[in-house]
Amino acid sequence: MKPAADVLKELVQPSNISAHSSTGLVGKVDEAAAEDDKAREEKELEELRRKSELRPIPAKELDRTVQLTPWDVLHTLGRAIALSRRGASRGIAEHWGCLKYSQALTGGAESFMSLSAEGRETADYYKAIQSGELGTGFALTLARQLLGRRYPDHSISIVPADTALRAGWALTSRDSGPRSGYRYRPQFFAEVWQPGEPSLAIPIACKGNHSNAATSHTQLASASAHVEAVHIGAWDETPALVFSTELPTEGPLTVHALQARGTGGRLNRGSDAPDNHLDQPVEDENIYPGIQRPYEGDAPPAPEPGFHVQPEHYPWFRRVLARTAAAGLTAFAGDGTATAQYLTKRQGQRHFTGLIHAATDSVQDAYVQLHGIDFVGTDHVFRLNRTRVEAFSGVAKDLFRHLEEGQLERYRSEVHAQREAWPLLGWDSKWDGPISIHQDGSVLAMRVLT
């Protein structure tokens, strides 16, 4: 077994990632979509609606070779799944799920990242989970980078789509309200925002596989249906991002990415009434499912399956996205009480209330100082190759206090002002382990216990 100290050092070693986005990729995805449409027609399945006019992402926004570290990717994954409701023992099943990939990736500054021997030897029935979760980590890491370049004066929040949509629609039979009955939807929204201004919501679909480029083409064709399931504003004008991460058992990994542009996705603030303030809780809405096509006559056409955020819901949905993002941060810091205040009943508020025990749940009771910044959060001690290690996740103390007290507007104002100082990524000699600090004020750190 590799010494745990060596494993931790490798987590912050940058490696090259190939990002593939081209007109040739668009053609391959169109071919995969056509084949799938033909197969669905032969099986007499309902015609699947896909995002039209997918196009490449310009190299100035997404480098074709990107340097990433495994620790940054795992931090992104950990933040993404903090609200995923994967089991009762949230401290393991949800909160620390990203740590199981601590030894799954290998590479170096002069090479391309790939699966390590341990990553390749994952049991077959876990491979789909591994490729899906690592695909999420890589996709969202690159999404933050390209949107940061596209909107340099804005902050970027990643919001789990299912959690956000549940505030307005019943997604399953367990949810109250009229069910959508549609299983296609994006995995995430990227909220692009500035304090006090309208925000932009961009649906993101991300997939992963252990196969080859042809599988990624099929996955992107499927992803185009997932992002098409949400319209914000006018018909067919919502921008979107789709990703498929190819993690072959032999050879380097590649992230395939495409985009759709449009004038939609803009969420107005509405009036300055207290109800439109981000600090005010939101209530579950029962929005009738379906996407309204443009009128072609006097009678409105039948709605298409999916979820439509109309102009009258813009201020409400803006608050939903902001408060769901805040819930993800407080959950990442292990504070269930603070998390519950930002969620509605249908979003899983009850999941973060009641008895919390440190043996099964993440509990906000740990404090560390990194790079001179005080953080509060939660820790987890486990064995890595027979050596006891400690992982810590949290939020900068001053920012967390605003979230804890329900002062979301103040948190956003201050974290946006500090965004140029972060992210910070690397080995912290005083902590003696890898750390990653993101622009939202969250941190993920790990060290060997002596």
Protein backbone atom coordinates (compact mmCIF):
# COMPACT_ATOMS: atom_id res chain seq x y z
CA MET A 1 0.00 0.00 0.00
CA LYS A 2 1.15 3.52 -0.76
CA PRO A 3 1.89 5.55 2.42
CA ALA A 4 -1.03 7.81 3.30
CA ALA A 5 1.25 10.86 3.34
CA ASP A 6 2.19 10.20 -0.30
CA VAL A 7 -1.47 9.80 -1.26
CA LEU A 8 -2.29 13.19 0.24
CA LYS A 9 0.58 14.91 -1.56
CA GLU A 10 -0.54 13.48 -4.89
CA LEU A 11 -4.04 14.92 -4.39
CA VAL A 12 -2.71 18.44 -5.03
CA GLN A 13 -0.40 17.55 -7.91
CA PRO A 14 -1.76 19.16 -11.11
CA SER A 15 -2.37 16.97 -14.13
CA ASN A 16 -3.51 17.72 -17.65
CA ILE A 17 -7.12 17.15 -18.70
CA SER A 18 -8.20 17.00 -22.33
CA ALA A 19 -11.36 19.04 -22.96
CA HIS A 20 -12.97 18.15 -26.29
CA SER A 21 -15.43 20.58 -27.85
CA SER A 22 -15.60 20.91 -31.63
CA THR A 23 -17.90 20.98 -34.64
CA GLY A 24 -16.90 17.35 -35.21
CA LEU A 25 -18.22 16.49 -31.75
CA VAL A 26 -21.51 18.24 -32.58
CA GLY A 27 -21.83 16.05 -35.68
CA LYS A 28 -21.15 12.84 -33.73
CA VAL A 29 -23.73 13.79 -31.09
CA ASP A 30 -26.30 14.57 -33.78
CA GLU A 31 -25.65 11.14 -35.31
CA ALA A 32 -26.05 9.45 -31.90
CA ALA A 33 -29.31 11.35 -31.33
CA ALA A 34 -30.64 10.30 -34.74
CA GLU A 35 -29.84 6.65 -34.03
CA ASP A 36 -31.57 6.84 -30.66
CA ASP A 37 -34.61 8.52 -32.21
CA LYS A 38 -34.84 5.74 -34.79
CA ALA A 39 -34.60 3.06 -32.10
CA ARG A 40 -37.30 4.78 -30.04
CA GLU A 41 -39.55 4.96 -33.11
CA GLU A 42 -39.08 1.24 -33.80
CA LYS A 43 -40.02 0.48 -30.20
CA GLU A 44 -43.01 2.82 -30.51
CA LEU A 45 -41.74 5.01 -27.67
CA GLU A 46 -42.66 8.65 -27.32
CA GLU A 47 -40.51 11.03 -29.36
CA LEU A 48 -37.81 12.59 -27.22
CA ARG A 49 -37.35 16.37 -27.33
CA ARG A 50 -33.69 17.47 -27.30
CA LYS A 51 -31.89 20.78 -26.99
CA SER A 52 -31.51 22.22 -30.45
CA GLU A 53 -28.40 23.79 -31.93
CA LEU A 54 -25.74 22.45 -29.59
CA ARG A 55 -22.43 24.05 -30.49
CA PRO A 56 -18.76 23.97 -29.41
CA ILE A 57 -17.50 26.01 -26.46
CA PRO A 58 -14.88 28.53 -27.63
CA ALA A 59 -11.28 27.78 -26.64
CA LYS A 60 -11.03 31.22 -25.00
CA GLU A 61 -13.64 30.05 -22.46
CA LEU A 62 -12.59 26.39 -22.15
CA ASP A 63 -8.95 25.51 -22.81
CA ARG A 64 -8.51 22.33 -24.81
CA THR A 65 -5.90 21.23 -22.27
CA VAL A 66 -6.72 22.12 -18.67
CA GLN A 67 -4.61 21.56 -15.56
CA LEU A 68 -6.58 20.28 -12.58
CA THR A 69 -5.80 18.58 -9.29
CA PRO A 70 -7.77 15.62 -7.94
CA TRP A 71 -8.39 17.55 -4.70
CA ASP A 72 -10.14 20.42 -6.48
CA VAL A 73 -12.34 17.95 -8.35
CA LEU A 74 -13.20 16.07 -5.13
CA HIS A 75 -14.02 19.35 -3.36
CA THR A 76 -16.39 20.23 -6.21
CA LEU A 77 -17.99 16.78 -6.04
CA GLY A 78 -18.37 16.96 -2.26
CA ARG A 79 -20.15 20.30 -2.50
CA ALA A 80 -22.39 19.00 -5.28
CA ILE A 81 -23.72 15.99 -3.37
CA ALA A 82 -24.17 17.60 0.07
CA LEU A 83 -27.96 17.77 -0.43
CA SER A 84 -28.37 14.54 -2.37
CA ARG A 85 -30.31 12.63 0.33
CA ARG A 86 -28.44 9.39 -0.34
CA GLY A 87 -29.07 7.80 3.02
CA ALA A 88 -29.87 8.29 6.70
CA SER A 89 -26.18 8.29 7.72
CA ARG A 90 -25.46 11.58 6.02
CA GLY A 91 -21.95 11.85 7.47
CA ILE A 92 -20.82 8.96 5.27
CA ALA A 93 -23.33 8.46 2.47
CA GLU A 94 -23.63 12.10 1.47
CA HIS A 95 -21.15 14.31 3.19
CA TRP A 96 -17.95 12.34 2.71
CA GLY A 97 -18.85 10.39 -0.42
CA CYS A 98 -16.19 12.19 -2.44
CA LEU A 99 -13.36 10.83 -0.26
CA LYS A 100 -13.73 7.30 -1.57
CA TYR A 101 -12.03 8.55 -4.74
CA SER A 102 -8.90 9.79 -2.93
CA GLN A 103 -6.80 7.15 -4.68
CA ALA A 104 -8.84 6.73 -7.89
CA LEU A 105 -6.88 9.19 -10.06
CA THR A 106 -3.26 9.47 -11.07
CA GLY A 107 -1.15 11.73 -13.25
CA GLY A 108 1.42 14.50 -13.05
CA ALA A 109 2.37 17.92 -14.33
CA GLU A 110 3.85 16.45 -17.52
CA SER A 111 1.15 13.85 -18.13
CA PHE A 112 -2.60 13.48 -18.54
CA MET A 113 -4.82 12.39 -15.65
CA SER A 114 -6.19 8.86 -15.76
CA LEU A 115 -7.65 6.21 -13.50
CA SER A 116 -5.14 4.75 -11.06
CA ALA A 117 -4.75 1.02 -10.49
CA GLU A 118 -7.25 1.28 -7.63
CA GLY A 119 -9.67 3.26 -9.80
CA ARG A 120 -9.48 0.62 -12.55
CA GLU A 121 -10.07 -2.25 -10.11
CA THR A 122 -13.38 -0.93 -8.81
CA ALA A 123 -15.96 -3.72 -8.76
CA ASP A 124 -18.19 -3.81 -11.83
CA TYR A 125 -21.38 -2.93 -9.98
CA TYR A 126 -19.76 0.27 -8.64
CA LYS A 127 -18.28 1.40 -11.94
CA ALA A 128 -21.39 3.25 -13.06
CA ILE A 129 -21.47 5.13 -9.74
CA GLN A 130 -17.76 5.90 -10.00
CA SER A 131 -17.92 7.22 -13.56
CA GLY A 132 -21.07 9.19 -12.83
CA GLU A 133 -19.73 10.86 -9.70
CA LEU A 134 -16.26 11.58 -11.06
CA GLY A 135 -17.91 12.83 -14.24
CA THR A 136 -19.91 15.24 -12.09
CA GLY A 137 -16.76 16.47 -10.37
CA PHE A 138 -14.87 17.15 -13.60
CA ALA A 139 -17.87 18.67 -15.40
CA LEU A 140 -18.72 21.12 -12.63
CA THR A 141 -15.07 22.08 -12.13
CA LEU A 142 -14.80 22.99 -15.81
CA ALA A 143 -18.23 24.67 -15.77
CA ARG A 144 -17.10 27.00 -12.99
CA GLN A 145 -13.96 27.85 -14.93
CA LEU A 146 -15.63 28.61 -18.26
CA LEU A 147 -18.48 30.60 -16.70
CA GLY A 148 -15.96 32.54 -14.62
CA ARG A 149 -14.25 33.56 -17.86
CA ARG A 150 -17.53 34.34 -19.60
CA TYR A 151 -18.84 36.43 -16.69
CA PRO A 152 -15.72 37.73 -14.89
CA ASP A 153 -17.61 40.25 -12.75
CA HIS A 154 -20.03 37.64 -11.39
CA SER A 155 -20.02 34.85 -8.85
CA ILE A 156 -20.98 31.28 -9.79
CA SER A 157 -23.09 28.99 -7.60
CA ILE A 158 -23.74 25.34 -8.45
CA VAL A 159 -27.21 24.21 -7.37
CA PRO A 160 -28.59 20.62 -7.48
CA ALA A 161 -31.48 20.77 -9.93
CA ASP A 162 -33.73 18.17 -8.30
CA THR A 163 -33.62 20.02 -4.98
CA ALA A 164 -34.36 23.36 -6.63
CA LEU A 165 -37.16 22.04 -8.86
CA ARG A 166 -38.89 20.32 -5.94
CA ALA A 167 -39.78 23.74 -4.55
CA GLY A 168 -42.14 24.21 -7.50
CA TRP A 169 -43.00 20.77 -8.86
CA ALA A 170 -43.69 17.29 -7.53
CA LEU A 171 -40.98 15.11 -9.07
CA THR A 172 -41.97 11.73 -7.61
CA SER A 173 -45.00 10.05 -6.08
CA ARG A 174 -43.63 10.92 -2.63
CA ASP A 175 -43.91 14.64 -3.34
CA SER A 176 -47.18 16.45 -2.72
CA GLY A 177 -48.80 18.30 -5.61
CA PRO A 178 -49.41 17.52 -9.29
CA ARG A 179 -46.66 15.25 -10.59
CA SER A 180 -44.70 16.14 -13.68
CA GLY A 181 -44.37 12.50 -14.74
CA TYR A 182 -41.21 13.41 -16.68
CA ARG A 183 -37.95 11.72 -15.76
CA TYR A 184 -35.67 13.90 -17.88
CA ARG A 185 -34.19 16.93 -16.11
CA PRO A 186 -30.73 18.49 -15.66
CA GLN A 187 -28.56 17.46 -12.74
CA PHE A 188 -27.55 21.01 -11.80
CA PHE A 189 -28.11 24.70 -12.37
CA ALA A 190 -25.28 27.19 -12.52
CA GLU A 191 -26.49 30.46 -11.03
CA VAL A 192 -24.46 33.41 -12.32
CA TRP A 193 -25.07 36.36 -10.01
CA GLN A 194 -24.07 39.71 -8.56
CA PRO A 195 -25.48 41.15 -5.31
CA GLY A 196 -28.70 43.02 -5.93
CA GLU A 197 -28.88 42.18 -9.64
CA PRO A 198 -30.92 39.69 -11.71
CA SER A 199 -29.22 36.31 -11.92
CA LEU A 200 -28.77 33.91 -14.83
CA ALA A 201 -29.72 30.24 -14.42
CA ILE A 202 -28.04 27.74 -16.76
CA PRO A 203 -29.13 24.06 -16.72
CA ILE A 204 -26.23 21.58 -16.69
CA ALA A 205 -26.33 17.87 -17.53
CA CYS A 206 -23.22 15.83 -16.76
CA LYS A 207 -22.53 12.16 -17.31
CA GLY A 208 -19.52 9.83 -17.23
CA ASN A 209 -18.44 6.46 -18.58
CA HIS A 210 -15.60 3.93 -18.48
CA SER A 211 -15.92 3.19 -22.17
CA ASN A 212 -14.93 5.33 -25.16
CA ALA A 213 -15.75 8.45 -27.19
CA ALA A 214 -18.70 6.77 -28.91
CA THR A 215 -20.33 6.23 -25.51
CA SER A 216 -19.75 9.89 -24.68
CA HIS A 217 -21.51 10.86 -27.92
CA THR A 218 -24.55 8.84 -26.85
CA GLN A 219 -24.40 10.35 -23.36
CA LEU A 220 -24.30 13.89 -24.73
CA ALA A 221 -27.29 13.12 -26.95
CA SER A 222 -29.14 11.99 -23.82
CA ALA A 223 -27.89 15.01 -21.87
CA SER A 224 -29.39 17.29 -24.51
CA ALA A 225 -32.83 15.90 -23.55
CA HIS A 226 -32.15 16.50 -19.86
CA VAL A 227 -31.29 20.19 -20.24
CA GLU A 228 -34.18 20.71 -22.66
CA ALA A 229 -36.58 19.68 -19.88
CA VAL A 230 -36.27 23.09 -18.19
CA HIS A 231 -37.21 26.34 -19.92
CA ILE A 232 -36.68 29.66 -18.16
CA GLY A 233 -38.49 32.36 -20.10
CA ALA A 234 -39.21 32.12 -23.81
CA TRP A 235 -39.49 28.83 -25.69
CA ASP A 236 -36.13 27.33 -26.71
CA GLU A 237 -34.06 30.30 -25.45
CA THR A 238 -32.58 28.86 -22.24
CA PRO A 239 -28.78 28.45 -22.41
CA ALA A 240 -27.35 25.11 -21.31
CA LEU A 241 -24.14 23.11 -20.84
CA VAL A 242 -23.74 19.36 -21.40
CA PHE A 243 -20.74 17.22 -20.41
CA SER A 244 -19.64 13.61 -20.71
CA THR A 245 -16.40 12.53 -19.02
CA GLU A 246 -14.68 9.56 -20.64
CA LEU A 247 -12.73 7.60 -17.98
CA PRO A 248 -11.27 4.63 -19.86
CA THR A 249 -9.64 1.81 -17.93
CA GLU A 250 -6.61 2.32 -20.17
CA GLY A 251 -5.50 5.78 -21.25
CA PRO A 252 -6.15 9.38 -20.20
CA LEU A 253 -9.55 10.79 -19.37
CA THR A 254 -11.30 13.29 -21.65
CA VAL A 255 -14.14 15.68 -20.88
CA HIS A 256 -16.47 16.15 -23.88
CA ALA A 257 -18.47 19.39 -23.65
CA LEU A 258 -21.00 21.33 -25.69
CA GLN A 259 -23.23 24.34 -25.09
CA ALA A 260 -26.47 25.93 -26.20
CA ARG A 261 -26.76 29.71 -26.20
CA GLY A 262 -29.94 31.72 -25.79
CA THR A 263 -31.49 34.87 -24.40
CA GLY A 264 -33.43 33.06 -21.66
CA GLY A 265 -32.44 32.01 -18.17
CA ARG A 266 -32.57 35.57 -16.77
CA LEU A 267 -34.26 35.83 -13.37
CA ASN A 268 -35.40 39.33 -12.48
CA ARG A 269 -35.37 40.41 -8.87
CA GLY A 270 -38.88 41.77 -9.01
CA SER A 271 -39.81 44.60 -6.65
CA ASP A 272 -37.93 45.58 -3.50
CA ALA A 273 -40.77 44.22 -1.38
CA PRO A 274 -39.65 42.14 1.63
CA ASP A 275 -41.03 38.98 0.00
CA ASN A 276 -38.39 39.30 -2.75
CA HIS A 277 -35.51 39.59 -0.29
CA LEU A 278 -33.19 36.55 -0.26
CA ASP A 279 -33.34 36.45 3.54
CA GLN A 280 -37.05 35.63 3.40
CA PRO A 281 -37.99 31.92 3.33
CA VAL A 282 -39.67 30.53 0.24
CA GLU A 283 -42.74 28.33 0.21
CA ASP A 284 -43.43 25.30 -1.97
CA GLU A 285 -45.35 26.24 -5.09
CA ASN A 286 -47.57 23.94 -7.13
CA ILE A 287 -46.71 25.04 -10.65
CA TYR A 288 -48.57 23.07 -13.27
CA PRO A 289 -46.01 20.87 -15.06
CA GLY A 290 -45.33 21.33 -18.75
CA ILE A 291 -43.56 23.76 -21.09
CA GLN A 292 -45.75 26.15 -23.05
CA ARG A 293 -44.97 26.38 -26.75
CA PRO A 294 -45.54 29.69 -28.58
CA TYR A 295 -49.07 30.28 -29.83
CA GLU A 296 -49.66 29.40 -33.49
CA GLY A 297 -53.27 30.55 -33.53
CA ASP A 298 -55.97 31.60 -31.13
CA ALA A 299 -55.84 28.44 -29.01
CA PRO A 300 -52.76 27.65 -26.91
CA PRO A 301 -50.93 24.50 -28.02
CA ALA A 302 -50.71 21.53 -25.66
CA PRO A 303 -47.77 21.89 -23.24
CA GLU A 304 -44.65 19.81 -23.77
CA PRO A 305 -43.39 17.59 -20.91
CA GLY A 306 -40.98 19.40 -18.60
CA PHE A 307 -40.68 22.39 -16.31
CA HIS A 308 -41.31 25.99 -17.32
CA VAL A 309 -40.27 28.98 -15.20
CA GLN A 310 -42.47 31.79 -16.47
CA PRO A 311 -41.81 35.54 -15.86
CA GLU A 312 -44.22 35.68 -12.91
CA HIS A 313 -42.05 33.10 -11.14
CA TYR A 314 -38.67 34.76 -11.80
CA PRO A 315 -38.25 36.45 -8.36
CA TRP A 316 -39.43 33.28 -6.59
CA PHE A 317 -37.10 30.97 -8.54
CA ARG A 318 -34.17 33.34 -8.01
CA ARG A 319 -34.73 33.03 -4.26
CA VAL A 320 -35.07 29.25 -4.56
CA LEU A 321 -31.69 28.95 -6.31
CA ALA A 322 -29.93 31.29 -3.87
CA ARG A 323 -31.36 29.61 -0.79
CA THR A 324 -30.72 26.09 -2.12
CA ALA A 325 -27.09 27.07 -2.76
CA ALA A 326 -26.88 28.36 0.81
CA ALA A 327 -28.34 25.09 2.11
CA GLY A 328 -25.62 23.19 0.26
CA LEU A 329 -22.95 25.29 1.97
CA THR A 330 -24.32 24.88 5.49
CA ALA A 331 -24.80 21.14 4.89
CA PHE A 332 -21.16 20.94 3.75
CA ALA A 333 -20.23 22.56 7.07
CA GLY A 334 -22.29 19.98 8.95
CA ASP A 335 -24.99 22.27 10.37
CA GLY A 336 -28.38 20.63 9.88
CA THR A 337 -30.32 23.36 11.71
CA ALA A 338 -28.87 26.10 9.52
CA THR A 339 -29.52 23.98 6.43
CA ALA A 340 -33.18 23.34 7.26
CA GLN A 341 -34.02 27.06 7.33
CA TYR A 342 -33.07 27.40 3.64
CA LEU A 343 -35.18 24.48 2.37
CA THR A 344 -38.89 23.98 1.88
CA LYS A 345 -40.77 20.92 3.08
CA ARG A 346 -40.75 19.29 -0.33
CA GLN A 347 -37.04 20.05 -0.75
CA GLY A 348 -36.28 17.88 2.29
CA GLN A 349 -36.30 20.30 5.20
CA ARG A 350 -37.19 17.45 7.59
CA HIS A 351 -34.13 15.54 6.44
CA PHE A 352 -31.95 18.08 8.28
CA THR A 353 -33.98 18.41 11.48
CA GLY A 354 -34.36 16.20 14.52
CA LEU A 355 -31.70 14.20 16.35
CA ILE A 356 -28.18 14.67 15.03
CA HIS A 357 -25.46 12.33 16.27
CA ALA A 358 -21.79 12.67 15.37
CA ALA A 359 -21.46 8.91 14.79
CA THR A 360 -23.88 8.93 11.86
CA ASP A 361 -24.24 12.53 10.74
CA SER A 362 -21.99 15.45 9.95
CA VAL A 363 -22.03 17.84 12.92
CA GLN A 364 -20.75 21.41 12.83
CA ASP A 365 -18.38 21.33 15.80
CA ALA A 366 -14.86 21.67 14.38
CA TYR A 367 -12.66 24.75 13.98
CA VAL A 368 -9.42 25.19 12.04
CA GLN A 369 -7.30 28.04 10.74
CA LEU A 370 -5.93 27.79 7.20
CA HIS A 371 -3.93 30.53 5.46
CA GLY A 372 -4.78 32.79 8.38
CA ILE A 373 -8.52 32.31 7.83
CA ASP A 374 -10.75 30.88 10.56
CA PHE A 375 -13.10 28.13 9.35
CA VAL A 376 -15.95 26.33 11.10
CA GLY A 377 -17.27 23.00 9.94
CA THR A 378 -17.20 19.28 10.53
CA ASP A 379 -14.51 16.60 10.50
CA HIS A 380 -14.28 12.91 9.74
CA VAL A 381 -11.56 10.52 10.92
CA PHE A 382 -10.95 7.30 9.01
CA ARG A 383 -8.13 5.02 7.90
CA LEU A 384 -6.38 5.49 4.59
CA ASN A 385 -4.09 2.54 3.83
CA ARG A 386 -4.10 1.65 7.55
CA THR A 387 -3.15 5.17 8.60
CA ARG A 388 -5.56 7.41 10.49
CA VAL A 389 -6.36 10.60 8.60
CA GLU A 390 -8.65 13.54 9.29
CA ALA A 391 -10.80 15.29 6.70
CA PHE A 392 -12.31 18.69 7.41
CA SER A 393 -14.99 20.55 5.47
CA GLY A 394 -16.37 23.92 6.37
CA VAL A 395 -16.96 27.56 5.56
CA ALA A 396 -15.04 30.71 6.52
CA LYS A 397 -16.22 31.58 10.04
CA ASP A 398 -17.42 35.13 9.37
CA LEU A 399 -19.33 34.05 6.27
CA PHE A 400 -20.81 31.02 8.00
CA ARG A 401 -22.20 33.18 10.82
CA HIS A 402 -24.18 35.20 8.27
CA LEU A 403 -25.60 31.97 6.82
CA GLU A 404 -26.34 30.57 10.25
CA GLU A 405 -28.29 33.71 11.16
CA GLY A 406 -30.25 33.66 7.91
CA GLN A 407 -28.47 36.74 6.52
CA LEU A 408 -28.10 35.46 2.98
CA GLU A 409 -27.99 38.91 1.38
CA ARG A 410 -25.09 39.90 3.64
CA TYR A 411 -23.25 36.62 2.96
CA ARG A 412 -23.57 37.14 -0.79
CA SER A 413 -22.40 40.73 -0.62
CA GLU A 414 -19.27 39.83 1.37
CA VAL A 415 -18.32 36.61 -0.44
CA HIS A 416 -18.70 38.34 -3.80
CA ALA A 417 -16.37 41.14 -2.64
CA GLN A 418 -13.75 38.54 -1.60
CA ARG A 419 -13.94 36.40 -4.74
CA GLU A 420 -10.62 37.67 -6.14
CA ALA A 421 -8.75 36.37 -3.07
CA TRP A 422 -9.95 32.80 -3.65
CA PRO A 423 -9.68 30.01 -4.73
CA LEU A 424 -6.65 28.71 -2.90
CA LEU A 425 -5.40 25.23 -3.66
CA GLY A 426 -2.31 23.29 -2.61
CA TRP A 427 -0.36 21.92 0.33
CA ASP A 428 -0.66 23.83 3.60
CA SER A 429 2.55 23.27 5.59
CA LYS A 430 1.02 24.39 8.90
CA TRP A 431 -2.01 22.13 8.46
CA ASP A 432 0.33 19.54 6.90
CA GLY A 433 -2.04 18.38 4.21
CA PRO A 434 -3.91 19.31 1.03
CA ILE A 435 -6.46 22.13 1.16
CA SER A 436 -8.91 23.58 -1.33
CA ILE A 437 -10.72 26.88 -0.70
CA HIS A 438 -13.41 27.81 -3.23
CA GLN A 439 -14.82 31.22 -4.06
CA ASP A 440 -18.00 30.45 -2.10
CA GLY A 441 -15.93 30.38 1.11
CA SER A 442 -16.00 26.59 1.49
CA VAL A 443 -12.94 24.52 2.29
CA LEU A 444 -11.96 20.85 2.06
CA ALA A 445 -8.77 19.75 3.82
CA MET A 446 -7.18 16.46 4.86
CA ARG A 447 -4.11 15.43 6.89
CA VAL A 448 -2.47 12.46 8.54
CA LEU A 449 -3.19 12.22 12.28
CA THR A 450 -0.07 11.84 14.41
